[in-house]
Amino acid sequence: MTTFEKIQEIIVDQLDKEESEVQLQTNFREELEADSLDLFQIINDIEDEFDIKIESEDGLETVEDLVKYVEGQMD
C-alpha cells in the first residue's frame, strides 16, 4: 500500500467520504469541508500510522501536500 493509499484510507474513515472524493489534488477545507478538528484527527492518525510528528498543518492544503510531507519525514 502506498503512502497516498494509507492517507486516503485515514481521510475516508475520518470524514466519512468515498475514496473517489479523496484524490491527490483534493483540498481539505474547500472540497472535503474539513474543519480544524477534522484535520487534527487526521494528522493524529497519520502520526500514529507512520510514526512521525507533524508540527503544524500550515501549508497542508491538499492531500498531495500531506503525502509529500509524510514522505519527506520518512526519508
N, C-alpha and C. Protein backbone atom coordinates (compact mmCIF):
# COMPACT_ATOMS: atom_id res chain seq x y z
N MET A 1 0.85 -1.18 0.00
CA MET A 1 0.00 0.00 0.00
C MET A 1 0.89 1.25 0.00
N THR A 2 0.59 2.19 -0.87
CA THR A 2 1.40 3.41 -0.96
C THR A 2 1.06 4.37 0.18
N THR A 3 1.93 5.37 0.34
CA THR A 3 1.67 6.42 1.34
C THR A 3 0.33 7.08 1.05
N PHE A 4 0.08 7.40 -0.22
CA PHE A 4 -1.20 8.03 -0.59
C PHE A 4 -2.37 7.14 -0.19
N GLU A 5 -2.29 5.87 -0.48
CA GLU A 5 -3.42 4.96 -0.19
C GLU A 5 -3.69 4.89 1.31
N LYS A 6 -2.64 4.86 2.13
CA LYS A 6 -2.83 4.83 3.58
C LYS A 6 -3.47 6.13 4.06
N ILE A 7 -2.96 7.25 3.56
CA ILE A 7 -3.51 8.55 3.96
C ILE A 7 -4.95 8.68 3.47
N GLN A 8 -5.19 8.24 2.26
CA GLN A 8 -6.55 8.28 1.70
C GLN A 8 -7.51 7.49 2.59
N GLU A 9 -7.08 6.33 3.02
CA GLU A 9 -7.90 5.47 3.88
C GLU A 9 -8.24 6.19 5.20
N ILE A 10 -7.24 6.84 5.80
CA ILE A 10 -7.45 7.58 7.05
C ILE A 10 -8.45 8.71 6.84
N ILE A 11 -8.30 9.46 5.76
CA ILE A 11 -9.20 10.59 5.48
C ILE A 11 -10.62 10.09 5.23
N VAL A 12 -10.75 9.04 4.44
CA VAL A 12 -12.07 8.45 4.15
C VAL A 12 -12.76 8.04 5.46
N ASP A 13 -12.01 7.38 6.35
CA ASP A 13 -12.58 6.95 7.64
C ASP A 13 -12.97 8.13 8.50
N GLN A 14 -12.10 9.13 8.61
CA GLN A 14 -12.34 10.27 9.50
C GLN A 14 -13.50 11.15 9.02
N LEU A 15 -13.56 11.38 7.72
CA LEU A 15 -14.54 12.33 7.19
C LEU A 15 -15.78 11.65 6.60
N ASP A 16 -15.80 10.32 6.66
CA ASP A 16 -16.93 9.56 6.12
C ASP A 16 -17.20 9.93 4.66
N LYS A 17 -16.14 9.88 3.85
CA LYS A 17 -16.23 10.20 2.43
C LYS A 17 -16.00 8.94 1.61
N GLU A 18 -16.25 9.05 0.31
CA GLU A 18 -15.95 7.97 -0.62
C GLU A 18 -14.49 8.10 -1.07
N GLU A 19 -13.85 6.97 -1.37
CA GLU A 19 -12.47 7.02 -1.86
C GLU A 19 -12.33 7.92 -3.07
N SER A 20 -13.32 7.90 -3.95
CA SER A 20 -13.25 8.71 -5.18
C SER A 20 -13.23 10.21 -4.89
N GLU A 21 -13.69 10.61 -3.69
CA GLU A 21 -13.70 12.02 -3.32
C GLU A 21 -12.34 12.49 -2.80
N VAL A 22 -11.47 11.55 -2.46
CA VAL A 22 -10.17 11.88 -1.85
C VAL A 22 -9.06 11.54 -2.84
N GLN A 23 -8.64 12.54 -3.62
CA GLN A 23 -7.58 12.37 -4.59
C GLN A 23 -6.42 13.31 -4.23
N LEU A 24 -5.30 13.20 -4.93
CA LEU A 24 -4.13 14.00 -4.60
C LEU A 24 -4.43 15.50 -4.61
N GLN A 25 -5.20 15.97 -5.57
CA GLN A 25 -5.45 17.41 -5.71
C GLN A 25 -6.60 17.91 -4.82
N THR A 26 -7.21 17.01 -4.07
CA THR A 26 -8.36 17.39 -3.24
C THR A 26 -7.94 18.33 -2.12
N ASN A 27 -8.68 19.43 -1.99
CA ASN A 27 -8.42 20.41 -0.93
C ASN A 27 -9.25 20.05 0.30
N PHE A 28 -8.58 19.99 1.46
CA PHE A 28 -9.26 19.57 2.69
C PHE A 28 -10.46 20.45 3.04
N ARG A 29 -10.24 21.74 3.08
CA ARG A 29 -11.29 22.65 3.55
C ARG A 29 -12.37 22.88 2.50
N GLU A 30 -11.94 23.15 1.25
CA GLU A 30 -12.90 23.52 0.21
C GLU A 30 -13.70 22.33 -0.31
N GLU A 31 -13.01 21.23 -0.60
CA GLU A 31 -13.69 20.10 -1.23
C GLU A 31 -14.20 19.06 -0.23
N LEU A 32 -13.45 18.85 0.84
CA LEU A 32 -13.86 17.84 1.83
C LEU A 32 -14.60 18.46 3.02
N GLU A 33 -14.61 19.81 3.05
CA GLU A 33 -15.29 20.55 4.13
C GLU A 33 -14.78 20.14 5.51
N ALA A 34 -13.47 19.91 5.59
CA ALA A 34 -12.86 19.53 6.87
C ALA A 34 -12.60 20.78 7.70
N ASP A 35 -12.91 20.70 8.98
CA ASP A 35 -12.61 21.82 9.87
C ASP A 35 -11.33 21.52 10.65
N SER A 36 -10.96 22.41 11.54
CA SER A 36 -9.70 22.25 12.28
C SER A 36 -9.67 20.95 13.09
N LEU A 37 -10.80 20.60 13.69
CA LEU A 37 -10.87 19.36 14.48
C LEU A 37 -10.69 18.13 13.59
N ASP A 38 -11.31 18.15 12.41
CA ASP A 38 -11.14 17.05 11.45
C ASP A 38 -9.67 16.89 11.07
N LEU A 39 -9.02 18.01 10.76
CA LEU A 39 -7.61 17.96 10.38
C LEU A 39 -6.75 17.47 11.53
N PHE A 40 -7.06 17.90 12.73
CA PHE A 40 -6.33 17.45 13.92
C PHE A 40 -6.42 15.93 14.05
N GLN A 41 -7.61 15.38 13.89
CA GLN A 41 -7.82 13.93 13.98
C GLN A 41 -7.06 13.19 12.88
N ILE A 42 -7.15 13.72 11.66
CA ILE A 42 -6.46 13.10 10.52
C ILE A 42 -4.95 13.09 10.77
N ILE A 43 -4.43 14.22 11.22
CA ILE A 43 -2.98 14.33 11.48
C ILE A 43 -2.57 13.38 12.60
N ASN A 44 -3.37 13.28 13.66
CA ASN A 44 -3.06 12.35 14.74
C ASN A 44 -2.98 10.91 14.22
N ASP A 45 -3.97 10.53 13.41
CA ASP A 45 -3.99 9.17 12.86
C ASP A 45 -2.78 8.92 11.96
N ILE A 46 -2.41 9.92 11.17
CA ILE A 46 -1.27 9.77 10.27
C ILE A 46 0.02 9.67 11.09
N GLU A 47 0.14 10.47 12.15
CA GLU A 47 1.33 10.40 13.01
C GLU A 47 1.47 8.99 13.60
N ASP A 48 0.35 8.42 14.05
CA ASP A 48 0.37 7.08 14.62
C ASP A 48 0.72 6.03 13.56
N GLU A 49 0.10 6.15 12.39
CA GLU A 49 0.30 5.18 11.32
C GLU A 49 1.74 5.14 10.83
N PHE A 50 2.34 6.33 10.66
CA PHE A 50 3.67 6.42 10.06
C PHE A 50 4.78 6.64 11.09
N ASP A 51 4.40 6.77 12.35
CA ASP A 51 5.36 7.01 13.43
C ASP A 51 6.23 8.24 13.15
N ILE A 52 5.54 9.35 12.82
CA ILE A 52 6.21 10.63 12.58
C ILE A 52 5.52 11.70 13.40
N LYS A 53 6.09 12.90 13.39
CA LYS A 53 5.48 14.05 14.07
C LYS A 53 5.23 15.13 13.03
N ILE A 54 3.99 15.59 12.95
CA ILE A 54 3.63 16.69 12.06
C ILE A 54 3.48 17.92 12.94
N GLU A 55 4.38 18.89 12.77
CA GLU A 55 4.45 20.05 13.65
C GLU A 55 3.25 20.98 13.49
N SER A 56 2.78 21.14 12.27
CA SER A 56 1.71 22.11 12.02
C SER A 56 1.01 21.72 10.73
N GLU A 57 -0.27 22.07 10.64
CA GLU A 57 -0.96 21.79 9.37
C GLU A 57 -0.79 22.95 8.40
N ASP A 58 -0.01 23.97 8.77
CA ASP A 58 0.25 25.09 7.87
C ASP A 58 0.86 24.58 6.57
N GLY A 59 0.31 25.03 5.47
CA GLY A 59 0.83 24.61 4.17
C GLY A 59 0.29 23.28 3.70
N LEU A 60 -0.51 22.62 4.52
CA LEU A 60 -1.09 21.34 4.12
C LEU A 60 -2.54 21.59 3.68
N GLU A 61 -2.66 22.07 2.45
CA GLU A 61 -3.98 22.43 1.91
C GLU A 61 -4.64 21.26 1.19
N THR A 62 -3.81 20.45 0.51
CA THR A 62 -4.35 19.36 -0.29
C THR A 62 -3.83 18.02 0.22
N VAL A 63 -4.44 16.96 -0.25
CA VAL A 63 -4.00 15.61 0.10
C VAL A 63 -2.56 15.42 -0.36
N GLU A 64 -2.22 15.93 -1.54
CA GLU A 64 -0.86 15.80 -2.06
C GLU A 64 0.16 16.49 -1.14
N ASP A 65 -0.17 17.67 -0.60
CA ASP A 65 0.72 18.35 0.34
C ASP A 65 1.04 17.44 1.52
N LEU A 66 0.01 16.78 2.01
CA LEU A 66 0.17 15.90 3.17
C LEU A 66 1.01 14.66 2.82
N VAL A 67 0.76 14.08 1.66
CA VAL A 67 1.52 12.91 1.21
C VAL A 67 3.00 13.27 1.10
N LYS A 68 3.30 14.40 0.47
CA LYS A 68 4.70 14.83 0.28
C LYS A 68 5.35 15.09 1.64
N TYR A 69 4.62 15.70 2.55
CA TYR A 69 5.16 15.99 3.89
C TYR A 69 5.53 14.67 4.59
N VAL A 70 4.60 13.72 4.57
CA VAL A 70 4.82 12.43 5.23
C VAL A 70 6.01 11.71 4.61
N GLU A 71 6.07 11.69 3.27
CA GLU A 71 7.18 11.01 2.61
C GLU A 71 8.51 11.70 2.94
N GLY A 72 8.49 13.02 3.08
CA GLY A 72 9.70 13.76 3.44
C GLY A 72 10.17 13.41 4.86
N GLN A 73 9.23 13.18 5.76
CA GLN A 73 9.56 12.82 7.14
C GLN A 73 10.12 11.40 7.24
N MET A 74 9.75 10.55 6.31
CA MET A 74 10.15 9.15 6.36
C MET A 74 11.52 8.91 5.74
N ASP A 75 12.02 9.87 4.98
CA ASP A 75 13.32 9.71 4.30
C ASP A 75 14.47 9.71 5.29
